[in-house]
Amino acid sequence: MTISDAQEAREDVDVIRRCQQGDIASLGTLVARYQTQGVRLAYLLTGDHALADDIVQDSFLLAYRGIKRFRLGEPFGPWFYRIVTNRARQQLRHARSLREISLDTLSPEDADERQFHAHMDAASARQGDPAQRAESAEAQTALLAALDTLPHKQREAVVLRYYIGYTDQQIASTLDCRLGTVQQRLHAGRASLQQAIRRRYPWLMSALSTLSTSES
């Protein structure tokens, strides 16, 4: 665990403990802290703003339902982003099927889930659309088109490294695979992405120069 991970874990521990005790209102703190990055991750994995929002809402609900299994002291971010990545993977596999958990169809008899929906709505209102703070619409479109040329496992690794900032070890933990597998996916994904950008969008290379210089 890095120093930043340890600090993040300390900051989150009291909030998570309250969630584990059934205080759903405390989830709002985690939503405020991790929603923007979660939506960015889901968007880069799927290329769909609305789907990314849905994935992150589903992921927070899944996180709350499984929070009692979370080990206090561990960083919440990697655990949560693993849920987001898995949900994105499921949605891409079953793009035409109904979501397994729909916040729009939660039982009105379930008080906890009604509260959850309210907290998510309030947190969303406080958060801006992360896409509005990202690159221009043209650059976003070009980047997503280039990412779409990658096999999904390579796309996951590239997004987690270069847009979430994870180390190889963190990516391995998030994707539940070996370190060597991560390094292979990054190497192949980086090469394929650079090739796609050079061929189709050469003007985008300056914004992605870290892809050719960043290694672990």
Protein backbone atom coordinates (compact mmCIF):
# COMPACT_ATOMS: atom_id res chain seq x y z
CA MET A 1 0.00 0.00 0.00
CA THR A 2 1.40 3.41 -0.96
CA ILE A 3 1.47 6.44 1.36
CA SER A 4 -1.48 7.99 -0.48
CA ASP A 5 -3.42 4.73 -0.21
CA ALA A 6 -2.77 4.58 3.54
CA GLN A 7 -3.88 8.17 4.03
CA GLU A 8 -7.02 7.56 1.99
CA ALA A 9 -7.79 4.45 4.05
CA ARG A 10 -7.44 6.40 7.31
CA GLU A 11 -9.76 9.12 6.08
CA ASP A 12 -12.39 6.63 4.98
CA VAL A 13 -12.28 4.23 7.92
CA ASP A 14 -14.76 6.07 10.17
CA VAL A 15 -17.20 6.60 7.32
CA ILE A 16 -17.03 2.95 6.30
CA ARG A 17 -17.47 1.81 9.89
CA ARG A 18 -20.68 3.82 10.11
CA CYS A 19 -21.88 2.31 6.84
CA GLN A 20 -21.15 -1.15 8.23
CA GLN A 21 -23.34 -0.28 11.19
CA GLY A 22 -26.23 0.52 8.84
CA ASP A 23 -25.87 4.31 8.56
CA ILE A 24 -26.68 4.75 4.88
CA ALA A 25 -26.38 8.55 5.17
CA SER A 26 -22.63 8.10 5.61
CA LEU A 27 -22.45 6.67 2.12
CA GLY A 28 -22.86 10.21 0.82
CA THR A 29 -19.30 10.99 1.90
CA LEU A 30 -17.97 8.09 -0.17
CA VAL A 31 -20.16 9.10 -3.11
CA ALA A 32 -18.81 12.65 -3.00
CA ARG A 33 -15.24 11.36 -2.90
CA TYR A 34 -15.35 8.56 -5.47
CA GLN A 35 -18.25 9.27 -7.83
CA THR A 36 -16.43 11.51 -10.31
CA GLN A 37 -13.51 9.13 -10.78
CA GLY A 38 -15.88 6.17 -10.90
CA VAL A 39 -17.93 7.77 -13.68
CA ARG A 40 -14.76 8.65 -15.58
CA LEU A 41 -13.59 5.05 -15.33
CA ALA A 42 -16.96 3.64 -16.43
CA TYR A 43 -17.18 6.13 -19.29
CA LEU A 44 -13.74 5.30 -20.62
CA LEU A 45 -14.57 1.59 -20.43
CA THR A 46 -17.95 1.88 -22.15
CA GLY A 47 -17.94 5.13 -24.14
CA ASP A 48 -21.47 5.90 -22.96
CA HIS A 49 -22.19 8.74 -20.51
CA ALA A 50 -25.64 7.53 -19.46
CA LEU A 51 -24.45 3.95 -19.04
CA ALA A 52 -21.45 5.13 -17.02
CA ASP A 53 -23.75 6.99 -14.62
CA ASP A 54 -25.92 3.89 -14.25
CA ILE A 55 -22.90 1.66 -13.67
CA VAL A 56 -21.60 3.89 -10.88
CA GLN A 57 -24.99 4.13 -9.17
CA ASP A 58 -25.29 0.35 -9.33
CA SER A 59 -21.73 0.04 -8.02
CA PHE A 60 -22.39 2.24 -4.99
CA LEU A 61 -25.47 0.20 -4.15
CA LEU A 62 -23.49 -3.04 -4.52
CA ALA A 63 -20.71 -1.55 -2.39
CA TYR A 64 -23.17 -0.61 0.36
CA ARG A 65 -24.75 -4.06 0.29
CA GLY A 66 -21.33 -5.68 0.60
CA ILE A 67 -19.74 -3.13 2.92
CA LYS A 68 -19.76 -5.47 5.93
CA ARG A 69 -17.27 -7.67 4.09
CA PHE A 70 -14.91 -4.74 3.53
CA ARG A 71 -11.75 -4.87 5.63
CA LEU A 72 -11.38 -1.67 7.64
CA GLY A 73 -8.04 0.00 7.03
CA GLU A 74 -7.82 -1.05 3.39
CA PRO A 75 -8.25 1.69 0.74
CA PHE A 76 -11.84 1.95 -0.44
CA GLY A 77 -10.96 3.27 -3.92
CA PRO A 78 -9.43 0.11 -5.44
CA TRP A 79 -12.22 -2.03 -3.96
CA PHE A 80 -14.89 0.27 -5.36
CA TYR A 81 -13.26 0.66 -8.77
CA ARG A 82 -13.07 -3.12 -9.02
CA ILE A 83 -16.86 -3.18 -8.60
CA VAL A 84 -17.19 -0.47 -11.27
CA THR A 85 -14.94 -2.38 -13.66
CA ASN A 86 -16.86 -5.60 -13.14
CA ARG A 87 -20.19 -3.84 -13.68
CA ALA A 88 -18.88 -2.24 -16.87
CA ARG A 89 -17.71 -5.65 -18.05
CA GLN A 90 -21.15 -7.14 -17.36
CA GLN A 91 -22.94 -4.31 -19.14
CA LEU A 92 -20.77 -4.68 -22.21
CA ARG A 93 -21.42 -8.41 -22.29
CA HIS A 94 -25.16 -7.94 -21.93
CA ALA A 95 -25.68 -4.53 -23.52
CA ARG A 96 -29.27 -5.25 -24.49
CA SER A 97 -30.39 -6.87 -21.27
CA LEU A 98 -31.96 -5.11 -18.33
CA ARG A 99 -29.64 -4.05 -15.54
CA GLU A 100 -29.47 -6.58 -12.69
CA ILE A 101 -30.11 -3.82 -10.18
CA SER A 102 -32.24 -0.89 -11.29
CA LEU A 103 -32.41 2.08 -8.99
CA ASP A 104 -35.56 3.10 -10.84
CA THR A 105 -37.42 -0.04 -9.79
CA LEU A 106 -36.38 -0.36 -6.17
CA SER A 107 -39.21 -1.47 -3.94
CA PRO A 108 -40.95 1.51 -2.29
CA GLU A 109 -41.18 -0.65 0.81
CA ASP A 110 -37.40 -0.76 1.19
CA ALA A 111 -36.53 2.29 3.31
CA ASP A 112 -32.76 1.79 3.04
CA GLU A 113 -32.88 1.70 -0.74
CA ARG A 114 -35.13 4.75 -0.93
CA GLN A 115 -32.62 6.61 1.23
CA PHE A 116 -29.77 5.36 -0.94
CA HIS A 117 -31.44 6.73 -4.06
CA ALA A 118 -31.98 10.09 -2.38
CA HIS A 119 -28.35 10.34 -1.30
CA MET A 120 -27.15 9.45 -4.80
CA ASP A 121 -29.37 12.13 -6.33
CA ALA A 122 -28.11 14.74 -3.87
CA ALA A 123 -24.48 13.81 -4.46
CA SER A 124 -24.97 13.85 -8.21
CA ALA A 125 -26.39 17.34 -7.99
CA ARG A 126 -23.23 18.48 -6.22
CA GLN A 127 -20.95 16.85 -8.77
CA GLY A 128 -20.47 18.33 -12.22
CA ASP A 129 -20.44 16.19 -15.33
CA PRO A 130 -16.82 14.96 -15.40
CA ALA A 131 -16.93 15.00 -19.18
CA GLN A 132 -17.36 18.79 -19.05
CA ARG A 133 -14.05 19.06 -17.22
CA ALA A 134 -12.23 16.69 -19.56
CA GLU A 135 -10.79 17.27 -23.00
CA SER A 136 -12.75 18.86 -25.78
CA ALA A 137 -15.63 16.91 -27.27
CA GLU A 138 -13.58 16.25 -30.38
CA ALA A 139 -10.65 14.86 -28.40
CA GLN A 140 -12.97 12.71 -26.28
CA THR A 141 -14.58 11.26 -29.38
CA ALA A 142 -11.21 10.51 -30.95
CA LEU A 143 -9.84 8.93 -27.79
CA LEU A 144 -12.88 6.71 -27.31
CA ALA A 145 -12.75 5.63 -30.95
CA ALA A 146 -9.10 4.68 -30.48
CA LEU A 147 -9.86 2.85 -27.23
CA ASP A 148 -12.64 0.97 -29.03
CA THR A 149 -10.00 -0.68 -31.24
CA LEU A 150 -8.50 -2.46 -28.20
CA PRO A 151 -9.64 -5.82 -26.87
CA HIS A 152 -11.57 -5.09 -23.68
CA LYS A 153 -8.98 -6.60 -21.32
CA GLN A 154 -6.30 -4.36 -22.79
CA ARG A 155 -8.65 -1.39 -22.63
CA GLU A 156 -9.27 -2.00 -18.92
CA ALA A 157 -5.55 -2.11 -18.18
CA VAL A 158 -4.76 1.01 -20.23
CA VAL A 159 -7.60 3.02 -18.70
CA LEU A 160 -6.69 2.01 -15.14
CA ARG A 161 -3.04 2.94 -15.70
CA TYR A 162 -3.17 6.15 -17.71
CA TYR A 163 -6.50 7.67 -16.71
CA ILE A 164 -6.95 6.38 -13.15
CA GLY A 165 -3.22 6.36 -12.32
CA TYR A 166 -2.95 2.86 -10.92
CA THR A 167 0.27 0.91 -10.56
CA ASP A 168 0.68 -2.53 -12.12
CA GLN A 169 -0.02 -4.13 -8.74
CA GLN A 170 -3.20 -2.10 -8.21
CA ILE A 171 -4.39 -3.01 -11.70
CA ALA A 172 -3.71 -6.69 -10.99
CA SER A 173 -5.76 -6.46 -7.81
CA THR A 174 -8.61 -4.62 -9.53
CA LEU A 175 -8.75 -7.01 -12.50
CA ASP A 176 -8.01 -10.10 -10.37
CA CYS A 177 -5.15 -11.27 -12.54
CA ARG A 178 -1.40 -11.81 -12.26
CA LEU A 179 1.12 -8.99 -12.40
CA GLY A 180 2.71 -10.44 -15.52
CA THR A 181 -0.68 -10.54 -17.21
CA VAL A 182 -1.20 -6.86 -16.46
CA GLN A 183 2.18 -5.99 -17.91
CA GLN A 184 1.43 -7.96 -21.08
CA ARG A 185 -1.95 -6.25 -21.50
CA LEU A 186 -0.42 -2.82 -20.93
CA HIS A 187 2.38 -3.43 -23.42
CA ALA A 188 0.04 -4.71 -26.11
CA GLY A 189 -2.66 -2.15 -25.38
CA ARG A 190 -0.24 0.76 -25.40
CA ALA A 191 1.22 -0.31 -28.74
CA SER A 192 -2.20 -0.85 -30.31
CA LEU A 193 -3.56 2.44 -28.99
CA GLN A 194 -0.58 4.41 -30.27
CA GLN A 195 -0.92 2.75 -33.66
CA ALA A 196 -4.64 3.57 -33.85
CA ILE A 197 -4.05 7.19 -32.83
CA ARG A 198 -1.14 7.70 -35.25
CA ARG A 199 -3.15 6.23 -38.10
CA ARG A 200 -6.47 7.99 -37.43
CA TYR A 201 -5.87 10.91 -35.06
CA PRO A 202 -2.20 12.00 -35.20
CA TRP A 203 -3.07 15.39 -33.70
CA LEU A 204 -4.05 13.60 -30.49
CA MET A 205 -0.57 12.17 -29.85
CA SER A 206 0.70 15.22 -27.98
CA ALA A 207 -2.05 14.79 -25.38
CA LEU A 208 -1.14 11.15 -24.91
CA SER A 209 2.65 11.37 -24.90
CA THR A 210 2.81 9.55 -21.53
CA LEU A 211 1.78 6.36 -23.28
CA SER A 212 5.21 6.08 -24.85
CA THR A 213 7.21 7.14 -21.80
CA SER A 214 5.41 5.71 -18.74
CA GLU A 215 6.45 2.27 -17.57
CA SER A 216 6.34 0.49 -14.22
